[in-house]
Amino acid sequence: PRVAERAYRSLGKSRARVAVTYAPVAGNPAGLA
C-alpha cells in the first residue's frame, strides 16, 4: 500500500486511470476475486 500510494501520488492526478492485468491468476476465480 505504501508503494502504491507513492506511485499514484507521482501521477499528479486526483482521478487517474490504473489499468490492471490479472494474467497470473487466469482461470482461478478465487484468486481473481
Full PDB file with SEQRES, HELIX, SHEET, SSBOND, CRYST1, ORIGX, SCALE, CONECT and MASTER records, all heavy atoms in Angstrom:
SEQRES   1 A   33  PRO ARG VAL ALA GLU ARG ALA TYR ARG SER LEU GLY LYS          
SEQRES   2 A   33  SER ARG ALA ARG VAL ALA VAL THR TYR ALA PRO VAL ALA          
SEQRES   3 A   33  GLY ASN PRO ALA GLY LEU ALA                                  
HELIX    1 AA1 ARG A    2  ARG A    9  1                                   8    
HELIX    2 AA2 ALA A   23  VAL A   25  5                                   3    
HELIX    3 AA3 PRO A   29  LEU A   32  1                                   4    
CRYST1    1.000    1.000    1.000  90.00  90.00  90.00 P 1           1          
ORIGX1      1.000000  0.000000  0.000000        0.00000                         
ORIGX2      0.000000  1.000000  0.000000        0.00000                         
ORIGX3      0.000000  0.000000  1.000000        0.00000                         
SCALE1      1.000000  0.000000  0.000000        0.00000                         
SCALE2      0.000000  1.000000  0.000000        0.00000                         
SCALE3      0.000000  0.000000  1.000000        0.00000                         
ATOM      1  N   PRO A   1       0.811  -1.224   0.000  1.00  0.00           N  
ATOM      2  CA  PRO A   1       0.000   0.000   0.000  1.00  0.00           C  
ATOM      3  C   PRO A   1       0.844   1.274   0.000  1.00  0.00           C  
ATOM      4  O   PRO A   1       0.471   2.271  -0.629  1.00  0.00           O  
ATOM      5  CB  PRO A   1      -0.829  -0.121   1.283  1.00  0.00           C  
ATOM      6  CG  PRO A   1      -0.871  -1.579   1.579  1.00  0.00           C  
ATOM      7  CD  PRO A   1       0.450  -2.107   1.130  1.00  0.00           C  
ATOM      8  N   ARG A   2       1.970   1.245   0.692  1.00  0.00           N  
ATOM      9  CA  ARG A   2       2.838   2.420   0.732  1.00  0.00           C  
ATOM     10  C   ARG A   2       3.417   2.730  -0.642  1.00  0.00           C  
ATOM     11  O   ARG A   2       3.450   3.883  -1.085  1.00  0.00           O  
ATOM     12  CB  ARG A   2       3.971   2.198   1.737  1.00  0.00           C  
ATOM     13  CG  ARG A   2       3.536   2.241   3.183  1.00  0.00           C  
ATOM     14  CD  ARG A   2       4.622   1.711   4.108  1.00  0.00           C  
ATOM     15  NE  ARG A   2       5.951   2.235   3.775  1.00  0.00           N  
ATOM     16  CZ  ARG A   2       7.077   1.647   4.160  1.00  0.00           C  
ATOM     17  NH1 ARG A   2       7.040   0.528   4.878  1.00  0.00           N  
ATOM     18  NH2 ARG A   2       8.243   2.189   3.841  1.00  0.00           N  
ATOM     19  N   VAL A   3       3.879   1.692  -1.338  1.00  0.00           N  
ATOM     20  CA  VAL A   3       4.462   1.908  -2.664  1.00  0.00           C  
ATOM     21  C   VAL A   3       3.370   2.301  -3.654  1.00  0.00           C  
ATOM     22  O   VAL A   3       3.574   3.168  -4.512  1.00  0.00           O  
ATOM     23  CB  VAL A   3       5.217   0.657  -3.135  1.00  0.00           C  
ATOM     24  CG1 VAL A   3       5.775   0.854  -4.549  1.00  0.00           C  
ATOM     25  CG2 VAL A   3       6.363   0.323  -2.179  1.00  0.00           C  
ATOM     26  N   ALA A   4       2.188   1.684  -3.525  1.00  0.00           N  
ATOM     27  CA  ALA A   4       1.074   2.031  -4.418  1.00  0.00           C  
ATOM     28  C   ALA A   4       0.673   3.489  -4.228  1.00  0.00           C  
ATOM     29  O   ALA A   4       0.415   4.208  -5.207  1.00  0.00           O  
ATOM     30  CB  ALA A   4      -0.111   1.112  -4.148  1.00  0.00           C  
ATOM     31  N   GLU A   5       0.625   3.948  -2.984  1.00  0.00           N  
ATOM     32  CA  GLU A   5       0.282   5.347  -2.723  1.00  0.00           C  
ATOM     33  C   GLU A   5       1.325   6.279  -3.340  1.00  0.00           C  
ATOM     34  O   GLU A   5       0.980   7.313  -3.938  1.00  0.00           O  
ATOM     35  CB  GLU A   5       0.195   5.595  -1.220  1.00  0.00           C  
ATOM     36  CG  GLU A   5      -0.179   7.025  -0.865  1.00  0.00           C  
ATOM     37  CD  GLU A   5      -0.206   7.266   0.627  1.00  0.00           C  
ATOM     38  OE1 GLU A   5       0.239   6.385   1.392  1.00  0.00           O  
ATOM     39  OE2 GLU A   5      -0.657   8.353   1.030  1.00  0.00           O  
ATOM     40  N   ARG A   6       2.580   5.917  -3.206  1.00  0.00           N  
ATOM     41  CA  ARG A   6       3.641   6.739  -3.781  1.00  0.00           C  
ATOM     42  C   ARG A   6       3.530   6.784  -5.302  1.00  0.00           C  
ATOM     43  O   ARG A   6       3.661   7.855  -5.919  1.00  0.00           O  
ATOM     44  CB  ARG A   6       4.995   6.175  -3.363  1.00  0.00           C  
ATOM     45  CG  ARG A   6       6.176   6.867  -4.022  1.00  0.00           C  
ATOM     46  CD  ARG A   6       7.477   6.413  -3.424  1.00  0.00           C  
ATOM     47  NE  ARG A   6       8.617   6.843  -4.220  1.00  0.00           N  
ATOM     48  CZ  ARG A   6       9.879   6.672  -3.866  1.00  0.00           C  
ATOM     49  NH1 ARG A   6      10.175   6.095  -2.708  1.00  0.00           N  
ATOM     50  NH2 ARG A   6      10.868   7.075  -4.640  1.00  0.00           N  
ATOM     51  N   ALA A   7       3.291   5.614  -5.914  1.00  0.00           N  
ATOM     52  CA  ALA A   7       3.174   5.563  -7.370  1.00  0.00           C  
ATOM     53  C   ALA A   7       1.990   6.400  -7.846  1.00  0.00           C  
ATOM     54  O   ALA A   7       2.099   7.149  -8.832  1.00  0.00           O  
ATOM     55  CB  ALA A   7       3.020   4.115  -7.825  1.00  0.00           C  
ATOM     56  N   TYR A   8       0.863   6.288  -7.152  1.00  0.00           N  
ATOM     57  CA  TYR A   8      -0.335   7.031  -7.555  1.00  0.00           C  
ATOM     58  C   TYR A   8      -0.135   8.536  -7.364  1.00  0.00           C  
ATOM     59  O   TYR A   8      -0.507   9.339  -8.226  1.00  0.00           O  
ATOM     60  CB  TYR A   8      -1.536   6.544  -6.748  1.00  0.00           C  
ATOM     61  CG  TYR A   8      -2.852   7.032  -7.295  1.00  0.00           C  
ATOM     62  CD1 TYR A   8      -3.460   6.383  -8.363  1.00  0.00           C  
ATOM     63  CD2 TYR A   8      -3.492   8.132  -6.747  1.00  0.00           C  
ATOM     64  CE1 TYR A   8      -4.674   6.827  -8.875  1.00  0.00           C  
ATOM     65  CE2 TYR A   8      -4.697   8.579  -7.247  1.00  0.00           C  
ATOM     66  CZ  TYR A   8      -5.285   7.927  -8.314  1.00  0.00           C  
ATOM     67  OH  TYR A   8      -6.475   8.369  -8.822  1.00  0.00           O  
ATOM     68  N   ARG A   9       0.472   8.914  -6.254  1.00  0.00           N  
ATOM     69  CA  ARG A   9       0.697  10.332  -5.970  1.00  0.00           C  
ATOM     70  C   ARG A   9       1.612  10.965  -7.015  1.00  0.00           C  
ATOM     71  O   ARG A   9       1.441  12.131  -7.386  1.00  0.00           O  
ATOM     72  CB  ARG A   9       1.298  10.482  -4.572  1.00  0.00           C  
ATOM     73  CG  ARG A   9       1.356  11.927  -4.075  1.00  0.00           C  
ATOM     74  CD  ARG A   9       1.722  12.003  -2.608  1.00  0.00           C  
ATOM     75  NE  ARG A   9       3.024  11.413  -2.348  1.00  0.00           N  
ATOM     76  CZ  ARG A   9       3.237  10.329  -1.614  1.00  0.00           C  
ATOM     77  NH1 ARG A   9       2.211   9.697  -1.076  1.00  0.00           N  
ATOM     78  NH2 ARG A   9       4.457   9.877  -1.412  1.00  0.00           N  
ATOM     79  N   SER A  10       2.568  10.182  -7.511  1.00  0.00           N  
ATOM     80  CA  SER A  10       3.515  10.708  -8.503  1.00  0.00           C  
ATOM     81  C   SER A  10       2.844  11.048  -9.828  1.00  0.00           C  
ATOM     82  O   SER A  10       3.405  11.793 -10.639  1.00  0.00           O  
ATOM     83  CB  SER A  10       4.637   9.703  -8.740  1.00  0.00           C  
ATOM     84  OG  SER A  10       4.182   8.589  -9.492  1.00  0.00           O  
ATOM     85  N   LEU A  11       1.636  10.521 -10.052  1.00  0.00           N  
ATOM     86  CA  LEU A  11       0.927  10.795 -11.302  1.00  0.00           C  
ATOM     87  C   LEU A  11       0.406  12.228 -11.351  1.00  0.00           C  
ATOM     88  O   LEU A  11       0.138  12.753 -12.438  1.00  0.00           O  
ATOM     89  CB  LEU A  11      -0.231   9.808 -11.470  1.00  0.00           C  
ATOM     90  CG  LEU A  11       0.146   8.326 -11.501  1.00  0.00           C  
ATOM     91  CD1 LEU A  11      -1.104   7.453 -11.547  1.00  0.00           C  
ATOM     92  CD2 LEU A  11       1.064   8.011 -12.683  1.00  0.00           C  
ATOM     93  N   GLY A  12       0.198  12.825 -10.188  1.00  0.00           N  
ATOM     94  CA  GLY A  12      -0.256  14.212 -10.133  1.00  0.00           C  
ATOM     95  C   GLY A  12      -1.700  14.409 -10.527  1.00  0.00           C  
ATOM     96  O   GLY A  12      -2.103  15.508 -10.943  1.00  0.00           O  
ATOM     97  N   LYS A  13      -2.505  13.344 -10.388  1.00  0.00           N  
ATOM     98  CA  LYS A  13      -3.925  13.436 -10.733  1.00  0.00           C  
ATOM     99  C   LYS A  13      -4.750  12.915  -9.568  1.00  0.00           C  
ATOM    100  O   LYS A  13      -4.396  11.924  -8.933  1.00  0.00           O  
ATOM    101  CB  LYS A  13      -4.240  12.595 -11.973  1.00  0.00           C  
ATOM    102  CG  LYS A  13      -3.565  13.051 -13.253  1.00  0.00           C  
ATOM    103  CD  LYS A  13      -3.990  12.157 -14.418  1.00  0.00           C  
ATOM    104  CE  LYS A  13      -3.394  12.613 -15.729  1.00  0.00           C  
ATOM    105  NZ  LYS A  13      -3.844  11.761 -16.869  1.00  0.00           N  
ATOM    106  N   SER A  14      -5.872  13.560  -9.311  1.00  0.00           N  
ATOM    107  CA  SER A  14      -6.742  13.088  -8.249  1.00  0.00           C  
ATOM    108  C   SER A  14      -7.574  11.891  -8.697  1.00  0.00           C  
ATOM    109  O   SER A  14      -8.011  11.086  -7.868  1.00  0.00           O  
ATOM    110  CB  SER A  14      -7.667  14.207  -7.775  1.00  0.00           C  
ATOM    111  OG  SER A  14      -8.474  14.677  -8.861  1.00  0.00           O  
ATOM    112  N   ARG A  15      -7.778  11.759 -10.006  1.00  0.00           N  
ATOM    113  CA  ARG A  15      -8.633  10.691 -10.543  1.00  0.00           C  
ATOM    114  C   ARG A  15      -7.912  10.058 -11.734  1.00  0.00           C  
ATOM    115  O   ARG A  15      -8.313  10.202 -12.894  1.00  0.00           O  
ATOM    116  CB  ARG A  15      -9.968  11.290 -10.968  1.00  0.00           C  
ATOM    117  CG  ARG A  15     -11.037  10.280 -11.355  1.00  0.00           C  
ATOM    118  CD  ARG A  15     -11.658   9.616 -10.147  1.00  0.00           C  
ATOM    119  NE  ARG A  15     -12.861   8.895 -10.517  1.00  0.00           N  
ATOM    120  CZ  ARG A  15     -13.232   7.749  -9.954  1.00  0.00           C  
ATOM    121  NH1 ARG A  15     -12.500   7.206  -8.998  1.00  0.00           N  
ATOM    122  NH2 ARG A  15     -14.345   7.167 -10.326  1.00  0.00           N  
ATOM    123  N   ALA A  16      -6.841   9.355 -11.465  1.00  0.00           N  
ATOM    124  CA  ALA A  16      -6.032   8.743 -12.523  1.00  0.00           C  
ATOM    125  C   ALA A  16      -6.605   7.390 -12.930  1.00  0.00           C  
ATOM    126  O   ALA A  16      -7.387   6.770 -12.195  1.00  0.00           O  
ATOM    127  CB  ALA A  16      -4.593   8.584 -12.050  1.00  0.00           C  
ATOM    128  N   ARG A  17      -6.192   6.943 -14.106  1.00  0.00           N  
ATOM    129  CA  ARG A  17      -6.604   5.635 -14.614  1.00  0.00           C  
ATOM    130  C   ARG A  17      -5.502   4.607 -14.348  1.00  0.00           C  
ATOM    131  O   ARG A  17      -4.349   4.815 -14.729  1.00  0.00           O  
ATOM    132  CB  ARG A  17      -6.889   5.698 -16.114  1.00  0.00           C  
ATOM    133  CG  ARG A  17      -8.125   6.527 -16.472  1.00  0.00           C  
ATOM    134  CD  ARG A  17      -8.369   6.526 -17.963  1.00  0.00           C  
ATOM    135  NE  ARG A  17      -9.579   7.269 -18.303  1.00  0.00           N  
ATOM    136  CZ  ARG A  17     -10.804   6.736 -18.363  1.00  0.00           C  
ATOM    137  NH1 ARG A  17     -10.958   5.434 -18.127  1.00  0.00           N  
ATOM    138  NH2 ARG A  17     -11.845   7.487 -18.676  1.00  0.00           N  
ATOM    139  N   VAL A  18      -5.894   3.501 -13.707  1.00  0.00           N  
ATOM    140  CA  VAL A  18      -4.971   2.399 -13.445  1.00  0.00           C  
ATOM    141  C   VAL A  18      -5.479   1.181 -14.203  1.00  0.00           C  
ATOM    142  O   VAL A  18      -6.589   0.704 -13.971  1.00  0.00           O  
ATOM    143  CB  VAL A  18      -4.873   2.094 -11.937  1.00  0.00           C  
ATOM    144  CG1 VAL A  18      -3.938   0.900 -11.701  1.00  0.00           C  
ATOM    145  CG2 VAL A  18      -4.382   3.321 -11.172  1.00  0.00           C  
ATOM    146  N   ALA A  19      -4.667   0.703 -15.133  1.00  0.00           N  
ATOM    147  CA  ALA A  19      -5.020  -0.471 -15.931  1.00  0.00           C  
ATOM    148  C   ALA A  19      -4.326  -1.685 -15.341  1.00  0.00           C  
ATOM    149  O   ALA A  19      -3.116  -1.668 -15.090  1.00  0.00           O  
ATOM    150  CB  ALA A  19      -4.598  -0.275 -17.385  1.00  0.00           C  
ATOM    151  N   VAL A  20      -5.091  -2.750 -15.114  1.00  0.00           N  
ATOM    152  CA  VAL A  20      -4.585  -3.918 -14.391  1.00  0.00           C  
ATOM    153  C   VAL A  20      -4.671  -5.158 -15.276  1.00  0.00           C  
ATOM    154  O   VAL A  20      -5.671  -5.366 -15.977  1.00  0.00           O  
ATOM    155  CB  VAL A  20      -5.401  -4.168 -13.107  1.00  0.00           C  
ATOM    156  CG1 VAL A  20      -4.759  -5.260 -12.266  1.00  0.00           C  
ATOM    157  CG2 VAL A  20      -5.556  -2.885 -12.299  1.00  0.00           C  
ATOM    158  N   THR A  21      -3.631  -6.003 -15.235  1.00  0.00           N  
ATOM    159  CA  THR A  21      -3.738  -7.334 -15.799  1.00  0.00           C  
ATOM    160  C   THR A  21      -3.693  -8.352 -14.666  1.00  0.00           C  
ATOM    161  O   THR A  21      -2.841  -8.281 -13.772  1.00  0.00           O  
ATOM    162  CB  THR A  21      -2.640  -7.653 -16.828  1.00  0.00           C  
ATOM    163  OG1 THR A  21      -2.766  -9.050 -17.226  1.00  0.00           O  
ATOM    164  CG2 THR A  21      -1.247  -7.416 -16.296  1.00  0.00           C  
ATOM    165  N   TYR A  22      -4.639  -9.274 -14.719  1.00  0.00           N  
ATOM    166  CA  TYR A  22      -4.720 -10.364 -13.747  1.00  0.00           C  
ATOM    167  C   TYR A  22      -4.279 -11.675 -14.382  1.00  0.00           C  
ATOM    168  O   TYR A  22      -4.688 -12.751 -13.929  1.00  0.00           O  
ATOM    169  CB  TYR A  22      -6.149 -10.493 -13.225  1.00  0.00           C  
ATOM    170  CG  TYR A  22      -6.679  -9.261 -12.551  1.00  0.00           C  
ATOM    171  CD1 TYR A  22      -7.505  -8.366 -13.234  1.00  0.00           C  
ATOM    172  CD2 TYR A  22      -6.353  -8.975 -11.229  1.00  0.00           C  
ATOM    173  CE1 TYR A  22      -8.002  -7.228 -12.608  1.00  0.00           C  
ATOM    174  CE2 TYR A  22      -6.837  -7.833 -10.597  1.00  0.00           C  
ATOM    175  CZ  TYR A  22      -7.666  -6.970 -11.296  1.00  0.00           C  
ATOM    176  OH  TYR A  22      -8.149  -5.829 -10.680  1.00  0.00           O  
ATOM    177  N   ALA A  23      -3.429 -11.614 -15.395  1.00  0.00           N  
ATOM    178  CA  ALA A  23      -2.978 -12.822 -16.097  1.00  0.00           C  
ATOM    179  C   ALA A  23      -2.391 -13.871 -15.156  1.00  0.00           C  
ATOM    180  O   ALA A  23      -2.590 -15.073 -15.389  1.00  0.00           O  
ATOM    181  CB  ALA A  23      -1.967 -12.452 -17.183  1.00  0.00           C  
ATOM    182  N   PRO A  24      -1.662 -13.499 -14.082  1.00  0.00           N  
ATOM    183  CA  PRO A  24      -1.107 -14.537 -13.210  1.00  0.00           C  
ATOM    184  C   PRO A  24      -2.140 -15.353 -12.438  1.00  0.00           C  
ATOM    185  O   PRO A  24      -1.781 -16.359 -11.822  1.00  0.00           O  
ATOM    186  CB  PRO A  24      -0.213 -13.739 -12.245  1.00  0.00           C  
ATOM    187  CG  PRO A  24       0.169 -12.513 -13.003  1.00  0.00           C  
ATOM    188  CD  PRO A  24      -1.078 -12.168 -13.773  1.00  0.00           C  
ATOM    189  N   VAL A  25      -3.409 -14.926 -12.437  1.00  0.00           N  
ATOM    190  CA  VAL A  25      -4.461 -15.720 -11.791  1.00  0.00           C  
ATOM    191  C   VAL A  25      -5.530 -16.124 -12.811  1.00  0.00           C  
ATOM    192  O   VAL A  25      -6.663 -16.425 -12.447  1.00  0.00           O  
ATOM    193  CB  VAL A  25      -5.104 -14.971 -10.596  1.00  0.00           C  
ATOM    194  CG1 VAL A  25      -4.144 -14.898  -9.431  1.00  0.00           C  
ATOM    195  CG2 VAL A  25      -5.583 -13.581 -11.001  1.00  0.00           C  
ATOM    196  N   ALA A  26      -5.173 -16.148 -14.084  1.00  0.00           N  
ATOM    197  CA  ALA A  26      -6.124 -16.554 -15.128  1.00  0.00           C  
ATOM    198  C   ALA A  26      -6.664 -17.952 -14.844  1.00  0.00           C  
ATOM    199  O   ALA A  26      -5.913 -18.868 -14.508  1.00  0.00           O  
ATOM    200  CB  ALA A  26      -5.438 -16.527 -16.494  1.00  0.00           C  
ATOM    201  N   GLY A  27      -7.975 -18.103 -14.955  1.00  0.00           N  
ATOM    202  CA  GLY A  27      -8.605 -19.395 -14.728  1.00  0.00           C  
ATOM    203  C   GLY A  27      -8.782 -19.766 -13.267  1.00  0.00           C  
ATOM    204  O   GLY A  27      -9.201 -20.882 -12.953  1.00  0.00           O  
ATOM    205  N   ASN A  28      -8.502 -18.827 -12.376  1.00  0.00           N  
ATOM    206  CA  ASN A  28      -8.618 -19.067 -10.932  1.00  0.00           C  
ATOM    207  C   ASN A  28      -9.616 -18.060 -10.358  1.00  0.00           C  
ATOM    208  O   ASN A  28      -9.233 -16.954  -9.967  1.00  0.00           O  
ATOM    209  CB  ASN A  28      -7.244 -18.910 -10.276  1.00  0.00           C  
ATOM    210  CG  ASN A  28      -7.278 -19.113  -8.764  1.00  0.00           C  
ATOM    211  OD1 ASN A  28      -8.332 -19.210  -8.150  1.00  0.00           O  
ATOM    212  ND2 ASN A  28      -6.105 -19.174  -8.158  1.00  0.00           N  
ATOM    213  N   PRO A  29     -10.898 -18.404 -10.291  1.00  0.00           N  
ATOM    214  CA  PRO A  29     -11.910 -17.437  -9.852  1.00  0.00           C  
ATOM    215  C   PRO A  29     -11.644 -16.870  -8.456  1.00  0.00           C  
ATOM    216  O   PRO A  29     -11.827 -15.671  -8.232  1.00  0.00           O  
ATOM    217  CB  PRO A  29     -13.213 -18.249  -9.882  1.00  0.00           C  
ATOM    218  CG  PRO A  29     -12.957 -19.334 -10.867  1.00  0.00           C  
ATOM    219  CD  PRO A  29     -11.512 -19.680 -10.716  1.00  0.00           C  
ATOM    220  N   ALA A  30     -11.201 -17.719  -7.531  1.00  0.00           N  
ATOM    221  CA  ALA A  30     -10.946 -17.240  -6.175  1.00  0.00           C  
ATOM    222  C   ALA A  30      -9.764 -16.273  -6.153  1.00  0.00           C  
ATOM    223  O   ALA A  30      -9.807 -15.230  -5.491  1.00  0.00           O  
ATOM    224  CB  ALA A  30     -10.679 -18.419  -5.237  1.00  0.00           C  
ATOM    225  N   GLY A  31      -8.727 -16.624  -6.896  1.00  0.00           N  
ATOM    226  CA  GLY A  31      -7.559 -15.742  -6.964  1.00  0.00           C  
ATOM    227  C   GLY A  31      -7.894 -14.419  -7.619  1.00  0.00           C  
ATOM    228  O   GLY A  31      -7.434 -13.357  -7.182  1.00  0.00           O  
ATOM    229  N   LEU A  32      -8.702 -14.467  -8.666  1.00  0.00           N  
ATOM    230  CA  LEU A  32      -9.103 -13.249  -9.358  1.00  0.00           C  
ATOM    231  C   LEU A  32      -9.924 -12.351  -8.440  1.00  0.00           C  
ATOM    232  O   LEU A  32      -9.705 -11.133  -8.380  1.00  0.00           O  
ATOM    233  CB  LEU A  32      -9.903 -13.604 -10.611  1.00  0.00           C  
ATOM    234  CG  LEU A  32     -10.455 -12.429 -11.413  1.00  0.00           C  
ATOM    235  CD1 LEU A  32      -9.324 -11.516 -11.890  1.00  0.00           C  
ATOM    236  CD2 LEU A  32     -11.268 -12.936 -12.604  1.00  0.00           C  
ATOM    237  N   ALA A  33     -10.862 -12.947  -7.704  1.00  0.00           N  
ATOM    238  CA  ALA A  33     -11.688 -12.162  -6.786  1.00  0.00           C  
ATOM    239  C   ALA A  33     -10.825 -11.496  -5.716  1.00  0.00           C  
ATOM    240  O   ALA A  33     -11.031 -10.325  -5.371  1.00  0.00           O  
ATOM    241  CB  ALA A  33     -12.746 -13.059  -6.148  1.00  0.00           C  
TER     242      ALA A  33                                                      
MASTER        0    0    0    3    0    0    0    6  241    1    0    3          
END                                                                             
